[in-house]
PDB file of N, CA and C in Angstrom:
ATOM      1  N   MET A   1    -185.826 -90.708-112.891  1.00  0.00           N
ATOM      2  CA  MET A   1    -186.473 -92.158-114.066  1.00  0.00           C
ATOM      3  C   MET A   1    -185.585 -91.602-115.180  1.00  0.00           C
ATOM      4  N   LEU A   2    -185.699 -90.490-115.523  1.00  0.00           N
ATOM      5  CA  LEU A   2    -184.652 -90.379-116.268  1.00  0.00           C
ATOM      6  C   LEU A   2    -182.506 -90.303-116.165  1.00  0.00           C
ATOM      7  N   PHE A   3    -182.367 -90.662-114.948  1.00  0.00           N
ATOM      8  CA  PHE A   3    -181.360 -91.215-114.715  1.00  0.00           C
ATOM      9  C   PHE A   3    -180.882 -92.595-114.870  1.00  0.00           C
ATOM     10  N   ARG A   4    -182.214 -93.416-114.374  1.00  0.00           N
ATOM     11  CA  ARG A   4    -182.372 -94.677-115.015  1.00  0.00           C
ATOM     12  C   ARG A   4    -181.850 -95.179-116.323  1.00  0.00           C
ATOM     13  N   ALA A   5    -182.903 -94.453-117.265  1.00  0.00           N
ATOM     14  CA  ALA A   5    -183.056 -94.663-118.223  1.00  0.00           C
ATOM     15  C   ALA A   5    -181.507 -94.194-119.253  1.00  0.00           C
ATOM     16  N   ILE A   6    -180.843 -93.545-118.839  1.00  0.00           N
ATOM     17  CA  ILE A   6    -179.686 -93.378-119.606  1.00  0.00           C
ATOM     18  C   ILE A   6    -177.968 -93.252-118.622  1.00  0.00           C
ATOM     19  N   ASN A   7    -178.559 -93.660-117.517  1.00  0.00           N
ATOM     20  CA  ASN A   7    -177.182 -94.637-117.266  1.00  0.00           C
ATOM     21  C   ASN A   7    -177.006 -95.809-117.978  1.00  0.00           C
ATOM     22  N   TYR A   8    -175.428 -95.673-118.589  1.00  0.00           N
ATOM     23  CA  TYR A   8    -174.769 -97.149-118.832  1.00  0.00           C
ATOM     24  C   TYR A   8    -174.378 -97.782-118.282  1.00  0.00           C
ATOM     25  N   GLU A   9    -174.441 -97.963-116.550  1.00  0.00           N
ATOM     26  CA  GLU A   9    -173.638 -98.631-116.553  1.00  0.00           C
ATOM     27  C   GLU A   9    -174.354 -99.513-115.162  1.00  0.00           C
ATOM     28  N   LEU A  10    -175.360 -98.828-114.890  1.00  0.00           N
ATOM     29  CA  LEU A  10    -177.001 -99.553-114.550  1.00  0.00           C
ATOM     30  C   LEU A  10    -177.223-101.177-115.452  1.00  0.00           C
ATOM     31  N   TYR A  11    -176.759-100.849-116.181  1.00  0.00           N
ATOM     32  CA  TYR A  11    -176.676-101.769-117.445  1.00  0.00           C
ATOM     33  C   TYR A  11    -175.939-103.384-118.177  1.00  0.00           C
ATOM     34  N   VAL A  12    -174.633-102.737-117.404  1.00  0.00           N
ATOM     35  CA  VAL A  12    -173.105-103.095-117.884  1.00  0.00           C
ATOM     36  C   VAL A  12    -172.936-104.080-117.635  1.00  0.00           C
ATOM     37  N   LYS A  13    -172.916-105.059-117.808  1.00  0.00           N
ATOM     38  CA  LYS A  13    -171.259-105.771-116.984  1.00  0.00           C
ATOM     39  C   LYS A  13    -169.902-105.513-116.498  1.00  0.00           C
ATOM     40  N   PRO A  14    -169.442-105.668-114.848  1.00  0.00           N
ATOM     41  CA  PRO A  14    -168.399-104.966-114.662  1.00  0.00           C
ATOM     42  C   PRO A  14    -167.124-105.092-115.416  1.00  0.00           C
ATOM     43  N   HIS A  15    -166.440-104.454-115.941  1.00  0.00           N
ATOM     44  CA  HIS A  15    -165.524-105.671-116.366  1.00  0.00           C
ATOM     45  C   HIS A  15    -164.294-105.612-115.882  1.00  0.00           C
ATOM     46  N   LYS A  16    -163.912-106.896-115.366  1.00  0.00           N
ATOM     47  CA  LYS A  16    -162.522-106.776-114.402  1.00  0.00           C
ATOM     48  C   LYS A  16    -161.618-105.917-114.925  1.00  0.00           C
ATOM     49  N   GLY A  17    -161.055-106.978-116.193  1.00  0.00           N
ATOM     50  CA  GLY A  17    -159.466-106.271-116.340  1.00  0.00           C
ATOM     51  C   GLY A  17    -159.023-105.252-116.501  1.00  0.00           C
ATOM     52  N   ILE A  18    -160.633-103.777-116.998  1.00  0.00           N
ATOM     53  CA  ILE A  18    -160.333-101.955-117.399  1.00  0.00           C
ATOM     54  C   ILE A  18    -160.578-102.411-115.525  1.00  0.00           C
ATOM     55  N   MET A  19    -161.103-102.439-114.383  1.00  0.00           N
ATOM     56  CA  MET A  19    -161.069-102.430-113.144  1.00  0.00           C
ATOM     57  C   MET A  19    -159.924-102.615-112.414  1.00  0.00           C
ATOM     58  N   LEU A  20    -158.893-103.795-112.583  1.00  0.00           N
ATOM     59  CA  LEU A  20    -157.270-103.875-112.582  1.00  0.00           C
ATOM     60  C   LEU A  20    -156.767-102.973-112.919  1.00  0.00           C
ATOM     61  N   PHE A  21    -156.643-102.742-114.915  1.00  0.00           N
ATOM     62  CA  PHE A  21    -156.039-101.824-115.283  1.00  0.00           C
ATOM     63  C   PHE A  21    -155.898 -99.979-114.458  1.00  0.00           C
ATOM     64  N   GLY A  22    -157.550 -99.860-113.680  1.00  0.00           N
ATOM     65  CA  GLY A  22    -157.477 -97.960-113.388  1.00  0.00           C
ATOM     66  C   GLY A  22    -156.910 -98.566-111.579  1.00  0.00           C
ATOM     67  N   VAL A  23    -157.457 -99.725-110.652  1.00  0.00           N
ATOM     68  CA  VAL A  23    -157.112 -99.871-109.517  1.00  0.00           C
ATOM     69  C   VAL A  23    -154.874-100.033-109.517  1.00  0.00           C
ATOM     70  N   MET A  24    -154.843-100.468-110.716  1.00  0.00           N
ATOM     71  CA  MET A  24    -153.124-100.214-111.226  1.00  0.00           C
ATOM     72  C   MET A  24    -152.217 -99.261-110.896  1.00  0.00           C
ATOM     73  N   ALA A  25    -153.108 -97.981-112.285  1.00  0.00           N
ATOM     74  CA  ALA A  25    -153.136 -96.985-112.428  1.00  0.00           C
ATOM     75  C   ALA A  25    -153.261 -96.359-111.148  1.00  0.00           C
ATOM     76  N   MET A  26    -153.881 -96.271-110.661  1.00  0.00           N
ATOM     77  CA  MET A  26    -154.148 -95.573-109.579  1.00  0.00           C
ATOM     78  C   MET A  26    -152.827 -95.929-108.128  1.00  0.00           C
ATOM     79  N   LEU A  27    -152.556 -97.208-108.121  1.00  0.00           N
ATOM     80  CA  LEU A  27    -151.249 -97.370-106.991  1.00  0.00           C
ATOM     81  C   LEU A  27    -150.292 -96.926-107.985  1.00  0.00           C
ATOM     82  N   THR A  28    -149.835 -97.643-108.734  1.00  0.00           N
ATOM     83  CA  THR A  28    -148.730 -96.145-109.323  1.00  0.00           C
ATOM     84  C   THR A  28    -149.025 -95.027-108.925  1.00  0.00           C
ATOM     85  N   CYS A  29    -149.972 -94.365-109.360  1.00  0.00           N
ATOM     86  CA  CYS A  29    -149.484 -92.719-109.350  1.00  0.00           C
ATOM     87  C   CYS A  29    -149.266 -92.272-108.037  1.00  0.00           C
ATOM     88  N   SER A  30    -150.009 -92.737-107.117  1.00  0.00           N
ATOM     89  CA  SER A  30    -149.706 -92.829-105.726  1.00  0.00           C
ATOM     90  C   SER A  30    -148.547 -92.958-104.879  1.00  0.00           C
ATOM     91  N   GLY A  31    -147.829 -94.265-105.324  1.00  0.00           N
ATOM     92  CA  GLY A  31    -146.637 -94.707-104.991  1.00  0.00           C
ATOM     93  C   GLY A  31    -146.028 -93.668-105.519  1.00  0.00           C
ATOM     94  N   TYR A  32    -145.535 -92.906-106.574  1.00  0.00           N
ATOM     95  CA  TYR A  32    -144.540 -91.927-106.804  1.00  0.00           C
ATOM     96  C   TYR A  32    -144.555 -91.006-106.542  1.00  0.00           C
ATOM     97  N   LEU A  33    -145.793 -90.380-106.114  1.00  0.00           N
ATOM     98  CA  LEU A  33    -146.000 -89.148-105.794  1.00  0.00           C
ATOM     99  C   LEU A  33    -145.635 -89.802-104.282  1.00  0.00           C
ATOM    100  N   LEU A  34    -145.592 -90.386-103.107  1.00  0.00           N
ATOM    101  CA  LEU A  34    -144.670 -91.050-101.994  1.00  0.00           C
ATOM    102  C   LEU A  34    -143.386 -91.077-102.025  1.00  0.00           C
ATOM    103  N   TYR A  35    -143.170 -91.621-103.264  1.00  0.00           N
ATOM    104  CA  TYR A  35    -141.864 -92.185-103.565  1.00  0.00           C
ATOM    105  C   TYR A  35    -140.875 -90.261-103.199  1.00  0.00           C
ATOM    106  N   MET A  36    -141.540 -89.540-104.357  1.00  0.00           N
ATOM    107  CA  MET A  36    -141.108 -88.439-104.746  1.00  0.00           C
ATOM    108  C   MET A  36    -141.305 -87.438-103.245  1.00  0.00           C
ATOM    109  N   ARG A  37    -141.716 -87.542-102.323  1.00  0.00           N
ATOM    110  CA  ARG A  37    -142.078 -86.922-101.409  1.00  0.00           C
ATOM    111  C   ARG A  37    -140.929 -87.323-100.466  1.00  0.00           C
ATOM    112  N   TYR A  38    -140.822 -88.420-100.321  1.00  0.00           N
ATOM    113  CA  TYR A  38    -139.669 -89.123 -99.606  1.00  0.00           C
ATOM    114  C   TYR A  38    -138.401 -88.862 -99.818  1.00  0.00           C
ATOM    115  N   LYS A  39    -138.394 -88.499-100.744  1.00  0.00           N
ATOM    116  CA  LYS A  39    -136.927 -88.223-101.905  1.00  0.00           C
ATOM    117  C   LYS A  39    -136.390 -87.180-101.629  1.00  0.00           C
ATOM    118  N   HIS A  40    -137.480 -86.045-101.690  1.00  0.00           N
ATOM    119  CA  HIS A  40    -137.479 -84.351-100.898  1.00  0.00           C
ATOM    120  C   HIS A  40    -136.852 -84.288-100.116  1.00  0.00           C
ATOM    121  N   ASP A  41    -137.685 -84.822 -99.464  1.00  0.00           N
ATOM    122  CA  ASP A  41    -137.729 -84.146 -97.633  1.00  0.00           C
ATOM    123  C   ASP A  41    -136.755 -84.629 -96.968  1.00  0.00           C
ATOM    124  N   GLY A  42    -136.433 -85.883 -97.817  1.00  0.00           N
ATOM    125  CA  GLY A  42    -134.198 -86.421 -97.320  1.00  0.00           C
ATOM    126  C   GLY A  42    -133.305 -85.628 -97.738  1.00  0.00           C
ATOM    127  N   THR A  43    -133.142 -84.420 -98.810  1.00  0.00           N
ATOM    128  CA  THR A  43    -132.339 -83.536 -99.331  1.00  0.00           C
ATOM    129  C   THR A  43    -132.039 -82.781 -98.351  1.00  0.00           C
ATOM    130  N   ALA A  44    -130.991 -82.537 -98.353  1.00  0.00           N
ATOM    131  CA  ALA A  44    -130.211 -81.915 -96.934  1.00  0.00           C
ATOM    132  C   ALA A  44    -129.476 -79.822 -97.886  1.00  0.00           C
ATOM    133  N   TYR A  45    -129.659 -80.233 -99.598  1.00  0.00           N
ATOM    134  CA  TYR A  45    -128.792 -79.243-100.275  1.00  0.00           C
ATOM    135  C   TYR A  45    -129.779 -78.762-100.428  1.00  0.00           C
ATOM    136  N   TYR A  46    -129.613 -77.385-101.474  1.00  0.00           N
ATOM    137  CA  TYR A  46    -130.613 -76.498-102.289  1.00  0.00           C
ATOM    138  C   TYR A  46    -129.597 -76.007-103.308  1.00  0.00           C
ATOM    139  N   GLU A  47    -130.737 -75.873-104.303  1.00  0.00           N
ATOM    140  CA  GLU A  47    -129.885 -74.719-105.648  1.00  0.00           C
ATOM    141  C   GLU A  47    -129.725 -73.148-105.292  1.00  0.00           C
ATOM    142  N   SER A  48    -128.786 -72.534-105.107  1.00  0.00           N
ATOM    143  CA  SER A  48    -128.597 -71.114-105.046  1.00  0.00           C
ATOM    144  C   SER A  48    -127.777 -70.727-106.346  1.00  0.00           C
ATOM    145  N   VAL A  49    -128.583 -69.462-106.984  1.00  0.00           N
ATOM    146  CA  VAL A  49    -128.132 -68.685-107.753  1.00  0.00           C
ATOM    147  C   VAL A  49    -127.571 -67.002-107.683  1.00  0.00           C
ATOM    148  N   GLU A  50    -126.268 -67.251-107.912  1.00  0.00           N
ATOM    149  CA  GLU A  50    -125.430 -66.488-107.191  1.00  0.00           C
ATOM    150  C   GLU A  50    -125.772 -64.927-108.085  1.00  0.00           C
ATOM    151  N   ALA A  51    -125.057 -63.863-107.594  1.00  0.00           N
ATOM    152  CA  ALA A  51    -125.021 -62.564-108.032  1.00  0.00           C
ATOM    153  C   ALA A  51    -124.475 -62.418-110.277  1.00  0.00           C
ATOM    154  N   ASP A  52    -123.663 -63.682-110.209  1.00  0.00           N
ATOM    155  CA  ASP A  52    -123.046 -63.957-111.236  1.00  0.00           C
ATOM    156  C   ASP A  52    -123.581 -64.731-112.515  1.00  0.00           C
ATOM    157  N   GLY A  53    -124.407 -65.378-112.004  1.00  0.00           N
ATOM    158  CA  GLY A  53    -125.485 -66.408-112.479  1.00  0.00           C
ATOM    159  C   GLY A  53    -124.993 -68.200-112.077  1.00  0.00           C
ATOM    160  N   ASN A  54    -123.365 -67.968-111.289  1.00  0.00           N
ATOM    161  CA  ASN A  54    -123.722 -69.597-111.238  1.00  0.00           C
ATOM    162  C   ASN A  54    -124.680 -69.954-110.279  1.00  0.00           C
ATOM    163  N   VAL A  55    -124.841 -71.198-110.866  1.00  0.00           N
ATOM    164  CA  VAL A  55    -125.694 -72.553-110.052  1.00  0.00           C
ATOM    165  C   VAL A  55    -125.514 -72.793-108.448  1.00  0.00           C
ATOM    166  N   THR A  56    -125.294 -72.556-107.169  1.00  0.00           N
ATOM    167  CA  THR A  56    -123.986 -73.942-106.395  1.00  0.00           C
ATOM    168  C   THR A  56    -124.750 -74.574-105.586  1.00  0.00           C
ATOM    169  N   LEU A  57    -124.303 -75.710-105.094  1.00  0.00           N
ATOM    170  CA  LEU A  57    -125.541 -75.898-104.088  1.00  0.00           C
ATOM    171  C   LEU A  57    -124.954 -75.420-102.719  1.00  0.00           C
ATOM    172  N   LYS A  58    -126.489 -75.443-101.267  1.00  0.00           N
ATOM    173  CA  LYS A  58    -126.025 -75.062-100.738  1.00  0.00           C
ATOM    174  C   LYS A  58    -126.133 -75.994 -99.568  1.00  0.00           C
ATOM    175  N   LYS A  59    -126.392 -76.114 -98.359  1.00  0.00           N
ATOM    176  CA  LYS A  59    -126.153 -76.742 -97.169  1.00  0.00           C
ATOM    177  C   LYS A  59    -127.603 -75.904 -96.219  1.00  0.00           C
ATOM    178  N   LYS A  60    -128.710 -76.662 -96.713  1.00  0.00           N
ATOM    179  CA  LYS A  60    -130.273 -76.191 -95.868  1.00  0.00           C
ATOM    180  C   LYS A  60    -129.529 -76.190 -94.477  1.00  0.00           C
ATOM    181  N   THR A  61    -129.945 -74.444 -94.258  1.00  0.00           N
ATOM    182  CA  THR A  61    -130.009 -74.415 -92.195  1.00  0.00           C
ATOM    183  C   THR A  61    -130.687 -73.881 -91.457  1.00  0.00           C
ATOM    184  N   SER A  62    -130.987 -74.256 -90.309  1.00  0.00           N
ATOM    185  CA  SER A  62    -132.665 -73.782 -89.564  1.00  0.00           C
ATOM    186  C   SER A  62    -131.984 -72.056 -89.070  1.00  0.00           C
ATOM    187  N   LYS A  63    -132.819 -71.414 -89.365  1.00  0.00           N
ATOM    188  CA  LYS A  63    -132.928 -70.025 -88.802  1.00  0.00           C
ATOM    189  C   LYS A  63    -133.543 -70.275 -87.555  1.00  0.00           C
ATOM    190  N   TRP A  64    -134.278 -71.697 -86.908  1.00  0.00           N
ATOM    191  CA  TRP A  64    -134.120 -71.731 -85.292  1.00  0.00           C
ATOM    192  C   TRP A  64    -133.469 -71.771 -84.555  1.00  0.00           C
ATOM    193  N   LEU A  65    -131.981 -72.191 -84.868  1.00  0.00           N
ATOM    194  CA  LEU A  65    -130.702 -73.306 -84.339  1.00  0.00           C
ATOM    195  C   LEU A  65    -130.272 -71.973 -84.413  1.00  0.00           C
ATOM    196  N   ASP A  66    -129.927 -70.827 -85.153  1.00  0.00           N
ATOM    197  CA  ASP A  66    -129.010 -69.598 -84.391  1.00  0.00           C
ATOM    198  C   ASP A  66    -129.628 -68.943 -83.515  1.00  0.00           C
TER     199      ASP A  66
END
């Protein structure tokens, strides 16, 4: 009974503009995460820090193929 009395969403008409904004924001975030995962998986190089402090790019190699 208390839930029905204090729940604001039961008495307010849904606002289509806010719902559309929320859906677009969620889709944009999901799309960005998928894009970042796609771009990261496609890289064949990684950054390596040498003993003298220089950062170099090295090609990824598999230890399974040795």
